[in-house]
Amino acid sequence: MVLDENIIQYLVCPSTRMKLTLAEPALVASINARVETNTLSTVEGEILSDPVDGLLITADGQRAYPIIHGIPHLLVSSAIELS
């Protein structure tokens, strides 16, 4: 498990305050495929170069926050737009 479920229940999007949940493995694999080809960037245009261990997804499914080396990156600037 990437993060303890007891911790996840308290996490919210720093921008919208929506509840966050762990992404399905298929989405994580898809994101990592884009990381490998340098075609994935954050909302601020930074290219992600490290594969993600997991993703925390907003309740509306529009934004994801990467978990890298076991650490959730919950800064607005670290968000990945999913739509």
PDB file of N, CA and C in Angstrom:
ATOM      1  N   MET A   1       0.848  -1.182   0.000  1.00  0.00           N
ATOM      2  CA  MET A   1       0.000   0.000   0.000  1.00  0.00           C
ATOM      3  C   MET A   1       0.893   1.246   0.000  1.00  0.00           C
ATOM      4  N   VAL A   2       0.515   2.223  -0.788  1.00  0.00           N
ATOM      5  CA  VAL A   2       1.284   3.450  -0.936  1.00  0.00           C
ATOM      6  C   VAL A   2       1.154   4.342   0.294  1.00  0.00           C
ATOM      7  N   LEU A   3      -0.056   4.530   0.764  1.00  0.00           N
ATOM      8  CA  LEU A   3      -0.321   5.329   1.965  1.00  0.00           C
ATOM      9  C   LEU A   3      -1.341   4.605   2.831  1.00  0.00           C
ATOM     10  N   ASP A   4      -1.255   4.825   4.108  1.00  0.00           N
ATOM     11  CA  ASP A   4      -2.190   4.240   5.062  1.00  0.00           C
ATOM     12  C   ASP A   4      -3.585   4.845   4.856  1.00  0.00           C
ATOM     13  N   GLU A   5      -4.591   3.982   4.752  1.00  0.00           N
ATOM     14  CA  GLU A   5      -5.973   4.439   4.567  1.00  0.00           C
ATOM     15  C   GLU A   5      -6.420   5.378   5.685  1.00  0.00           C
ATOM     16  N   ASN A   6      -5.900   5.191   6.890  1.00  0.00           N
ATOM     17  CA  ASN A   6      -6.274   6.065   7.995  1.00  0.00           C
ATOM     18  C   ASN A   6      -5.800   7.494   7.774  1.00  0.00           C
ATOM     19  N   ILE A   7      -4.706   7.655   7.048  1.00  0.00           N
ATOM     20  CA  ILE A   7      -4.195   8.994   6.744  1.00  0.00           C
ATOM     21  C   ILE A   7      -4.962   9.590   5.573  1.00  0.00           C
ATOM     22  N   ILE A   8      -5.220   8.789   4.548  1.00  0.00           N
ATOM     23  CA  ILE A   8      -5.877   9.287   3.339  1.00  0.00           C
ATOM     24  C   ILE A   8      -7.233   9.917   3.646  1.00  0.00           C
ATOM     25  N   GLN A   9      -7.939   9.378   4.598  1.00  0.00           N
ATOM     26  CA  GLN A   9      -9.275   9.901   4.895  1.00  0.00           C
ATOM     27  C   GLN A   9      -9.253  11.360   5.330  1.00  0.00           C
ATOM     28  N   TYR A  10      -8.097  11.873   5.741  1.00  0.00           N
ATOM     29  CA  TYR A  10      -7.989  13.262   6.196  1.00  0.00           C
ATOM     30  C   TYR A  10      -7.409  14.195   5.137  1.00  0.00           C
ATOM     31  N   LEU A  11      -6.980  13.656   4.011  1.00  0.00           N
ATOM     32  CA  LEU A  11      -6.338  14.480   2.994  1.00  0.00           C
ATOM     33  C   LEU A  11      -7.357  15.111   2.062  1.00  0.00           C
ATOM     34  N   VAL A  12      -7.118  16.377   1.726  1.00  0.00           N
ATOM     35  CA  VAL A  12      -7.976  17.106   0.790  1.00  0.00           C
ATOM     36  C   VAL A  12      -7.110  17.858  -0.207  1.00  0.00           C
ATOM     37  N   CYS A  13      -7.699  18.190  -1.323  1.00  0.00           N
ATOM     38  CA  CYS A  13      -7.025  18.986  -2.346  1.00  0.00           C
ATOM     39  C   CYS A  13      -6.714  20.365  -1.756  1.00  0.00           C
ATOM     40  N   PRO A  14      -5.477  20.827  -1.876  1.00  0.00           N
ATOM     41  CA  PRO A  14      -5.137  22.128  -1.313  1.00  0.00           C
ATOM     42  C   PRO A  14      -5.800  23.295  -2.040  1.00  0.00           C
ATOM     43  N   SER A  15      -6.286  23.061  -3.238  1.00  0.00           N
ATOM     44  CA  SER A  15      -6.924  24.121  -4.008  1.00  0.00           C
ATOM     45  C   SER A  15      -8.435  24.155  -3.800  1.00  0.00           C
ATOM     46  N   THR A  16      -9.079  23.004  -3.946  1.00  0.00           N
ATOM     47  CA  THR A  16     -10.547  22.948  -3.908  1.00  0.00           C
ATOM     48  C   THR A  16     -11.118  22.444  -2.586  1.00  0.00           C
ATOM     49  N   ARG A  17     -10.263  21.834  -1.768  1.00  0.00           N
ATOM     50  CA  ARG A  17     -10.661  21.210  -0.500  1.00  0.00           C
ATOM     51  C   ARG A  17     -11.503  19.945  -0.696  1.00  0.00           C
ATOM     52  N   MET A  18     -11.537  19.411  -1.928  1.00  0.00           N
ATOM     53  CA  MET A  18     -12.241  18.159  -2.173  1.00  0.00           C
ATOM     54  C   MET A  18     -11.468  16.997  -1.562  1.00  0.00           C
ATOM     55  N   LYS A  19     -12.207  15.980  -1.188  1.00  0.00           N
ATOM     56  CA  LYS A  19     -11.606  14.765  -0.657  1.00  0.00           C
ATOM     57  C   LYS A  19     -10.716  14.114  -1.716  1.00  0.00           C
ATOM     58  N   LEU A  20      -9.635  13.488  -1.271  1.00  0.00           N
ATOM     59  CA  LEU A  20      -8.719  12.777  -2.160  1.00  0.00           C
ATOM     60  C   LEU A  20      -8.811  11.281  -1.913  1.00  0.00           C
ATOM     61  N   THR A  21      -8.666  10.508  -2.991  1.00  0.00           N
ATOM     62  CA  THR A  21      -8.635   9.059  -2.898  1.00  0.00           C
ATOM     63  C   THR A  21      -7.464   8.546  -3.732  1.00  0.00           C
ATOM     64  N   LEU A  22      -7.041   7.325  -3.454  1.00  0.00           N
ATOM     65  CA  LEU A  22      -5.957   6.726  -4.223  1.00  0.00           C
ATOM     66  C   LEU A  22      -6.434   6.324  -5.615  1.00  0.00           C
ATOM     67  N   ALA A  23      -5.600   6.570  -6.604  1.00  0.00           N
ATOM     68  CA  ALA A  23      -5.915   6.203  -7.983  1.00  0.00           C
ATOM     69  C   ALA A  23      -5.775   4.697  -8.185  1.00  0.00           C
ATOM     70  N   GLU A  24      -6.487   4.204  -9.160  1.00  0.00           N
ATOM     71  CA  GLU A  24      -6.390   2.805  -9.552  1.00  0.00           C
ATOM     72  C   GLU A  24      -5.021   2.548 -10.194  1.00  0.00           C
ATOM     73  N   PRO A  25      -4.497   1.331 -10.069  1.00  0.00           N
ATOM     74  CA  PRO A  25      -3.193   1.000 -10.649  1.00  0.00           C
ATOM     75  C   PRO A  25      -3.081   1.291 -12.149  1.00  0.00           C
ATOM     76  N   ALA A  26      -4.158   1.145 -12.894  1.00  0.00           N
ATOM     77  CA  ALA A  26      -4.119   1.398 -14.339  1.00  0.00           C
ATOM     78  C   ALA A  26      -3.804   2.868 -14.637  1.00  0.00           C
ATOM     79  N   LEU A  27      -4.372   3.772 -13.855  1.00  0.00           N
ATOM     80  CA  LEU A  27      -4.092   5.198 -14.045  1.00  0.00           C
ATOM     81  C   LEU A  27      -2.652   5.512 -13.673  1.00  0.00           C
ATOM     82  N   VAL A  28      -2.171   4.925 -12.596  1.00  0.00           N
ATOM     83  CA  VAL A  28      -0.778   5.126 -12.184  1.00  0.00           C
ATOM     84  C   VAL A  28       0.158   4.652 -13.286  1.00  0.00           C
ATOM     85  N   ALA A  29      -0.127   3.493 -13.874  1.00  0.00           N
ATOM     86  CA  ALA A  29       0.697   2.963 -14.964  1.00  0.00           C
ATOM     87  C   ALA A  29       0.665   3.896 -16.174  1.00  0.00           C
ATOM     88  N   SER A  30      -0.503   4.438 -16.483  1.00  0.00           N
ATOM     89  CA  SER A  30      -0.645   5.358 -17.607  1.00  0.00           C
ATOM     90  C   SER A  30       0.163   6.636 -17.375  1.00  0.00           C
ATOM     91  N   ILE A  31       0.099   7.151 -16.173  1.00  0.00           N
ATOM     92  CA  ILE A  31       0.865   8.360 -15.824  1.00  0.00           C
ATOM     93  C   ILE A  31       2.354   8.070 -15.908  1.00  0.00           C
ATOM     94  N   ASN A  32       2.785   6.927 -15.394  1.00  0.00           N
ATOM     95  CA  ASN A  32       4.210   6.581 -15.441  1.00  0.00           C
ATOM     96  C   ASN A  32       4.708   6.385 -16.874  1.00  0.00           C
ATOM     97  N   ALA A  33       3.853   5.909 -17.757  1.00  0.00           N
ATOM     98  CA  ALA A  33       4.243   5.785 -19.167  1.00  0.00           C
ATOM     99  C   ALA A  33       4.512   7.164 -19.751  1.00  0.00           C
ATOM    100  N   ARG A  34       3.712   8.142 -19.368  1.00  0.00           N
ATOM    101  CA  ARG A  34       3.932   9.518 -19.846  1.00  0.00           C
ATOM    102  C   ARG A  34       5.168  10.134 -19.199  1.00  0.00           C
ATOM    103  N   VAL A  35       5.447   9.783 -17.949  1.00  0.00           N
ATOM    104  CA  VAL A  35       6.665  10.276 -17.286  1.00  0.00           C
ATOM    105  C   VAL A  35       7.889   9.773 -18.040  1.00  0.00           C
ATOM    106  N   GLU A  36       7.873   8.505 -18.423  1.00  0.00           N
ATOM    107  CA  GLU A  36       9.013   7.905 -19.138  1.00  0.00           C
ATOM    108  C   GLU A  36       9.309   8.597 -20.459  1.00  0.00           C
ATOM    109  N   THR A  37       8.280   9.142 -21.092  1.00  0.00           N
ATOM    110  CA  THR A  37       8.472   9.800 -22.387  1.00  0.00           C
ATOM    111  C   THR A  37       8.560  11.320 -22.265  1.00  0.00           C
ATOM    112  N   ASN A  38       8.639  11.800 -21.018  1.00  0.00           N
ATOM    113  CA  ASN A  38       8.738  13.250 -20.756  1.00  0.00           C
ATOM    114  C   ASN A  38       7.585  14.045 -21.361  1.00  0.00           C
ATOM    115  N   THR A  39       6.387  13.472 -21.322  1.00  0.00           N
ATOM    116  CA  THR A  39       5.220  14.147 -21.886  1.00  0.00           C
ATOM    117  C   THR A  39       4.180  14.496 -20.828  1.00  0.00           C
ATOM    118  N   LEU A  40       4.599  14.493 -19.573  1.00  0.00           N
ATOM    119  CA  LEU A  40       3.660  14.817 -18.500  1.00  0.00           C
ATOM    120  C   LEU A  40       4.192  15.993 -17.713  1.00  0.00           C
ATOM    121  N   SER A  41       3.341  16.990 -17.537  1.00  0.00           N
ATOM    122  CA  SER A  41       3.755  18.150 -16.758  1.00  0.00           C
ATOM    123  C   SER A  41       2.702  18.497 -15.719  1.00  0.00           C
ATOM    124  N   THR A  42       3.128  19.260 -14.734  1.00  0.00           N
ATOM    125  CA  THR A  42       2.230  19.726 -13.682  1.00  0.00           C
ATOM    126  C   THR A  42       1.413  20.896 -14.216  1.00  0.00           C
ATOM    127  N   VAL A  43       0.494  21.389 -13.407  1.00  0.00           N
ATOM    128  CA  VAL A  43      -0.327  22.528 -13.813  1.00  0.00           C
ATOM    129  C   VAL A  43       0.520  23.772 -14.066  1.00  0.00           C
ATOM    130  N   GLU A  44       1.707  23.821 -13.510  1.00  0.00           N
ATOM    131  CA  GLU A  44       2.589  24.969 -13.714  1.00  0.00           C
ATOM    132  C   GLU A  44       3.615  24.735 -14.822  1.00  0.00           C
ATOM    133  N   GLY A  45       3.483  23.616 -15.530  1.00  0.00           N
ATOM    134  CA  GLY A  45       4.339  23.355 -16.677  1.00  0.00           C
ATOM    135  C   GLY A  45       5.641  22.632 -16.389  1.00  0.00           C
ATOM    136  N   GLU A  46       5.853  22.211 -15.149  1.00  0.00           N
ATOM    137  CA  GLU A  46       7.070  21.468 -14.813  1.00  0.00           C
ATOM    138  C   GLU A  46       6.940  20.032 -15.312  1.00  0.00           C
ATOM    139  N   ILE A  47       7.933  19.576 -16.070  1.00  0.00           N
ATOM    140  CA  ILE A  47       7.939  18.201 -16.573  1.00  0.00           C
ATOM    141  C   ILE A  47       8.282  17.257 -15.418  1.00  0.00           C
ATOM    142  N   LEU A  48       7.453  16.241 -15.230  1.00  0.00           N
ATOM    143  CA  LEU A  48       7.730  15.240 -14.199  1.00  0.00           C
ATOM    144  C   LEU A  48       8.775  14.267 -14.712  1.00  0.00           C
ATOM    145  N   SER A  49       9.818  14.049 -13.930  1.00  0.00           N
ATOM    146  CA  SER A  49      10.881  13.152 -14.358  1.00  0.00           C
ATOM    147  C   SER A  49      10.981  11.895 -13.501  1.00  0.00           C
ATOM    148  N   ASP A  50      10.351  11.891 -12.338  1.00  0.00           N
ATOM    149  CA  ASP A  50      10.364  10.719 -11.458  1.00  0.00           C
ATOM    150  C   ASP A  50       9.054   9.957 -11.586  1.00  0.00           C
ATOM    151  N   PRO A  51       9.128   8.632 -11.720  1.00  0.00           N
ATOM    152  CA  PRO A  51       7.885   7.853 -11.741  1.00  0.00           C
ATOM    153  C   PRO A  51       7.148   8.002 -10.414  1.00  0.00           C
ATOM    154  N   VAL A  52       5.838   7.889 -10.483  1.00  0.00           N
ATOM    155  CA  VAL A  52       5.027   8.037  -9.277  1.00  0.00           C
ATOM    156  C   VAL A  52       4.757   6.669  -8.667  1.00  0.00           C
ATOM    157  N   ASP A  53       4.705   6.639  -7.335  1.00  0.00           N
ATOM    158  CA  ASP A  53       4.333   5.412  -6.617  1.00  0.00           C
ATOM    159  C   ASP A  53       2.820   5.261  -6.599  1.00  0.00           C
ATOM    160  N   GLY A  54       2.133   6.389  -6.664  1.00  0.00           N
ATOM    161  CA  GLY A  54       0.678   6.426  -6.622  1.00  0.00           C
ATOM    162  C   GLY A  54       0.217   7.834  -6.904  1.00  0.00           C
ATOM    163  N   LEU A  55      -1.090   7.995  -6.929  1.00  0.00           N
ATOM    164  CA  LEU A  55      -1.694   9.301  -7.167  1.00  0.00           C
ATOM    165  C   LEU A  55      -2.860   9.486  -6.219  1.00  0.00           C
ATOM    166  N   LEU A  56      -3.042  10.696  -5.757  1.00  0.00           N
ATOM    167  CA  LEU A  56      -4.224  11.058  -4.987  1.00  0.00           C
ATOM    168  C   LEU A  56      -5.115  11.878  -5.907  1.00  0.00           C
ATOM    169  N   ILE A  57      -6.333  11.400  -6.130  1.00  0.00           N
ATOM    170  CA  ILE A  57      -7.254  11.984  -7.095  1.00  0.00           C
ATOM    171  C   ILE A  57      -8.344  12.761  -6.373  1.00  0.00           C
ATOM    172  N   THR A  58      -8.690  13.939  -6.906  1.00  0.00           N
ATOM    173  CA  THR A  58      -9.785  14.711  -6.330  1.00  0.00           C
ATOM    174  C   THR A  58     -11.109  13.996  -6.575  1.00  0.00           C
ATOM    175  N   ALA A  59     -12.095  14.312  -5.764  1.00  0.00           N
ATOM    176  CA  ALA A  59     -13.398  13.644  -5.844  1.00  0.00           C
ATOM    177  C   ALA A  59     -14.041  13.786  -7.218  1.00  0.00           C
ATOM    178  N   ASP A  60     -13.767  14.890  -7.926  1.00  0.00           N
ATOM    179  CA  ASP A  60     -14.352  15.073  -9.255  1.00  0.00           C
ATOM    180  C   ASP A  60     -13.506  14.449 -10.367  1.00  0.00           C
ATOM    181  N   GLY A  61     -12.344  13.871 -10.018  1.00  0.00           N
ATOM    182  CA  GLY A  61     -11.491  13.204 -10.983  1.00  0.00           C
ATOM    183  C   GLY A  61     -10.747  14.119 -11.935  1.00  0.00           C
ATOM    184  N   GLN A  62     -10.715  15.400 -11.642  1.00  0.00           N
ATOM    185  CA  GLN A  62     -10.091  16.362 -12.546  1.00  0.00           C
ATOM    186  C   GLN A  62      -8.608  16.601 -12.291  1.00  0.00           C
ATOM    187  N   ARG A  63      -8.153  16.331 -11.076  1.00  0.00           N
ATOM    188  CA  ARG A  63      -6.788  16.665 -10.692  1.00  0.00           C
ATOM    189  C   ARG A  63      -6.190  15.539  -9.869  1.00  0.00           C
ATOM    190  N   ALA A  64      -4.879  15.320 -10.053  1.00  0.00           N
ATOM    191  CA  ALA A  64      -4.170  14.290  -9.299  1.00  0.00           C
ATOM    192  C   ALA A  64      -2.924  14.890  -8.674  1.00  0.00           C
ATOM    193  N   TYR A  65      -2.599  14.393  -7.506  1.00  0.00           N
ATOM    194  CA  TYR A  65      -1.377  14.793  -6.808  1.00  0.00           C
ATOM    195  C   TYR A  65      -0.482  13.560  -6.720  1.00  0.00           C
ATOM    196  N   PRO A  66       0.757  13.681  -7.189  1.00  0.00           N
ATOM    197  CA  PRO A  66       1.635  12.511  -7.217  1.00  0.00           C
ATOM    198  C   PRO A  66       2.152  12.113  -5.841  1.00  0.00           C
ATOM    199  N   ILE A  67       2.371  10.828  -5.688  1.00  0.00           N
ATOM    200  CA  ILE A  67       3.069  10.279  -4.524  1.00  0.00           C
ATOM    201  C   ILE A  67       4.396   9.770  -5.072  1.00  0.00           C
ATOM    202  N   ILE A  68       5.480  10.397  -4.677  1.00  0.00           N
ATOM    203  CA  ILE A  68       6.804  10.065  -5.203  1.00  0.00           C
ATOM    204  C   ILE A  68       7.703   9.675  -4.039  1.00  0.00           C
ATOM    205  N   HIS A  69       8.312   8.502  -4.147  1.00  0.00           N
ATOM    206  CA  HIS A  69       9.165   7.961  -3.079  1.00  0.00           C
ATOM    207  C   HIS A  69       8.393   7.901  -1.756  1.00  0.00           C
ATOM    208  N   GLY A  70       7.096   7.578  -1.852  1.00  0.00           N
ATOM    209  CA  GLY A  70       6.259   7.426  -0.672  1.00  0.00           C
ATOM    210  C   GLY A  70       5.760   8.718  -0.056  1.00  0.00           C
ATOM    211  N   ILE A  71       6.074   9.856  -0.677  1.00  0.00           N
ATOM    212  CA  ILE A  71       5.684  11.163  -0.126  1.00  0.00           C
ATOM    213  C   ILE A  71       4.642  11.806  -1.026  1.00  0.00           C
ATOM    214  N   PRO A  72       3.449  12.112  -0.485  1.00  0.00           N
ATOM    215  CA  PRO A  72       2.444  12.808  -1.297  1.00  0.00           C
ATOM    216  C   PRO A  72       2.855  14.269  -1.505  1.00  0.00           C
ATOM    217  N   HIS A  73       2.785  14.707  -2.743  1.00  0.00           N
ATOM    218  CA  HIS A  73       3.126  16.088  -3.094  1.00  0.00           C
ATOM    219  C   HIS A  73       1.825  16.869  -3.209  1.00  0.00           C
ATOM    220  N   LEU A  74       1.424  17.468  -2.095  1.00  0.00           N
ATOM    221  CA  LEU A  74       0.125  18.131  -2.020  1.00  0.00           C
ATOM    222  C   LEU A  74       0.239  19.651  -2.151  1.00  0.00           C
ATOM    223  N   LEU A  75       1.059  20.093  -3.076  1.00  0.00           N
ATOM    224  CA  LEU A  75       1.127  21.508  -3.412  1.00  0.00           C
ATOM    225  C   LEU A  75       0.326  21.733  -4.680  1.00  0.00           C
ATOM    226  N   VAL A  76      -0.356  22.867  -4.763  1.00  0.00           N
ATOM    227  CA  VAL A  76      -1.127  23.172  -5.959  1.00  0.00           C
ATOM    228  C   VAL A  76      -0.226  23.096  -7.192  1.00  0.00           C
ATOM    229  N   SER A  77       0.995  23.551  -7.069  1.00  0.00           N
ATOM    230  CA  SER A  77       1.942  23.549  -8.200  1.00  0.00           C
ATOM    231  C   SER A  77       2.349  22.139  -8.634  1.00  0.00           C
ATOM    232  N   SER A  78       2.129  21.137  -7.804  1.00  0.00           N
ATOM    233  CA  SER A  78       2.484  19.750  -8.132  1.00  0.00           C
ATOM    234  C   SER A  78       1.339  18.979  -8.787  1.00  0.00           C
ATOM    235  N   ALA A  79       0.179  19.586  -8.870  1.00  0.00           N
ATOM    236  CA  ALA A  79      -0.997  18.898  -9.394  1.00  0.00           C
ATOM    237  C   ALA A  79      -0.847  18.572 -10.881  1.00  0.00           C
ATOM    238  N   ILE A  80      -1.505  17.493 -11.271  1.00  0.00           N
ATOM    239  CA  ILE A  80      -1.564  17.049 -12.668  1.00  0.00           C
ATOM    240  C   ILE A  80      -3.028  17.121 -13.086  1.00  0.00           C
ATOM    241  N   GLU A  81      -3.302  17.835 -14.167  1.00  0.00           N
ATOM    242  CA  GLU A  81      -4.673  17.896 -14.690  1.00  0.00           C
ATOM    243  C   GLU A  81      -4.974  16.591 -15.408  1.00  0.00           C
ATOM    244  N   LEU A  82      -6.115  15.987 -15.103  1.00  0.00           N
ATOM    245  CA  LEU A  82      -6.481  14.713 -15.706  1.00  0.00           C
ATOM    246  C   LEU A  82      -7.492  14.859 -16.839  1.00  0.00           C
ATOM    247  N   SER A  83      -8.113  16.005 -16.960  1.00  0.00           N
ATOM    248  CA  SER A  83      -9.129  16.166 -18.010  1.00  0.00           C
ATOM    249  C   SER A  83      -8.565  16.835 -19.236  1.00  0.00           C
TER     250      SER A  83
END
